Amino acid sequence: MKLSGIRHQDVSTLVCDYLMCQHCGFIDRDRNRCRGGKCQVCSLASQAGRLAFYSNITTLVNLRQEVYHSTPSITKDKLELEVK
């Protein structure tokens, strides 16, 4: 799958899919953690999944996708005028 083919889903959900246990800090891809599943290391249930990456990385990934799919605000004519 190419990044350019993803339009209606935040790319960060594909890249930043690691969750961290709120009790022991163990990081894995266990989606049950979001629904109160028990950690395989400390055996304690989490109230919610916590992304193992800070929110600024997801913002950066989503912004890159948004820019890729956006329409340029400058036309070729304007660009040629500025270059000359």
Protein backbone atom coordinates (compact mmCIF):
# COMPACT_ATOMS: atom_id res chain seq x y z
CA MET A 1 0.00 0.00 0.00
CA LYS A 2 1.27 3.44 -0.90
CA LEU A 3 0.90 6.45 1.38
CA SER A 4 -0.69 8.31 -1.51
CA GLY A 5 -3.54 5.78 -1.62
CA ILE A 6 -4.69 6.41 1.97
CA ARG A 7 -7.31 9.17 1.97
CA HIS A 8 -9.97 8.65 4.65
CA GLN A 9 -7.87 7.36 7.53
CA ASP A 10 -5.23 9.13 9.57
CA VAL A 11 -1.88 7.59 8.65
CA SER A 12 -0.87 7.83 12.31
CA THR A 13 -3.31 4.99 13.07
CA LEU A 14 -1.12 2.78 10.88
CA VAL A 15 2.25 4.03 12.06
CA CYS A 16 1.61 4.75 15.74
CA ASP A 17 -0.23 1.60 16.74
CA TYR A 18 1.83 0.71 19.82
CA LEU A 19 0.09 0.97 23.18
CA MET A 20 1.68 1.32 26.61
CA CYS A 21 0.48 -0.25 29.85
CA GLN A 22 -0.42 2.54 32.26
CA HIS A 23 0.87 0.49 35.20
CA CYS A 24 4.24 -1.00 34.17
CA GLY A 25 4.99 0.85 30.91
CA PHE A 26 5.21 -2.30 28.77
CA ILE A 27 4.70 -1.48 25.08
CA ASP A 28 2.94 -3.77 22.61
CA ARG A 29 0.21 -3.83 19.98
CA ASP A 30 -2.47 -5.41 22.17
CA ARG A 31 -5.70 -3.63 21.19
CA ASN A 32 -7.51 -5.33 24.10
CA ARG A 33 -5.72 -2.83 26.31
CA CYS A 34 -8.20 -0.21 25.03
CA ARG A 35 -11.08 -2.31 26.36
CA GLY A 36 -9.69 -3.08 29.83
CA GLY A 37 -7.58 -6.09 28.85
CA LYS A 38 -4.88 -7.34 31.20
CA CYS A 39 -1.22 -6.61 30.51
CA GLN A 40 0.80 -9.71 29.65
CA VAL A 41 3.66 -8.52 31.91
CA CYS A 42 2.05 -7.14 35.10
CA SER A 43 -1.41 -8.76 34.67
CA LEU A 44 -3.20 -5.53 35.61
CA ALA A 45 -6.13 -4.27 33.55
CA SER A 46 -5.78 -0.89 31.87
CA GLN A 47 -8.65 1.56 31.81
CA ALA A 48 -7.64 2.73 28.35
CA GLY A 49 -4.89 2.34 25.79
CA ARG A 50 -2.15 4.94 25.87
CA LEU A 51 -0.23 5.59 22.66
CA ALA A 52 3.46 4.85 23.10
CA PHE A 53 4.29 7.91 20.98
CA TYR A 54 3.73 11.49 21.99
CA SER A 55 0.91 13.31 20.25
CA ASN A 56 3.30 15.52 18.31
CA ILE A 57 4.46 12.56 16.19
CA THR A 58 0.87 11.73 15.23
CA THR A 59 0.25 15.38 14.41
CA LEU A 60 3.34 15.42 12.21
CA VAL A 61 2.34 12.24 10.36
CA ASN A 62 -1.24 13.45 9.80
CA LEU A 63 -0.01 16.87 8.64
CA ARG A 64 2.28 15.25 6.10
CA GLN A 65 -0.65 13.25 4.72
CA GLU A 66 -2.86 16.36 4.62
CA VAL A 67 -0.25 18.35 2.72
CA TYR A 68 0.22 15.54 0.23
CA HIS A 69 -3.50 15.43 -0.60
CA SER A 70 -4.05 19.20 -0.58
CA THR A 71 -4.50 21.38 -3.64
CA PRO A 72 -1.66 23.83 -4.21
CA SER A 73 -2.68 27.41 -3.47
CA ILE A 74 -0.24 28.78 -6.04
CA THR A 75 -0.77 28.36 -9.76
CA LYS A 76 1.88 27.73 -12.38
CA ASP A 77 1.42 31.28 -13.74
CA LYS A 78 2.07 32.85 -10.34
CA LEU A 79 5.11 30.65 -9.83
CA GLU A 80 6.58 31.67 -13.19
CA LEU A 81 6.07 35.33 -12.33
CA GLU A 82 7.86 34.94 -9.02
CA VAL A 83 10.80 33.04 -10.53
CA LYS A 84 11.49 35.62 -13.25
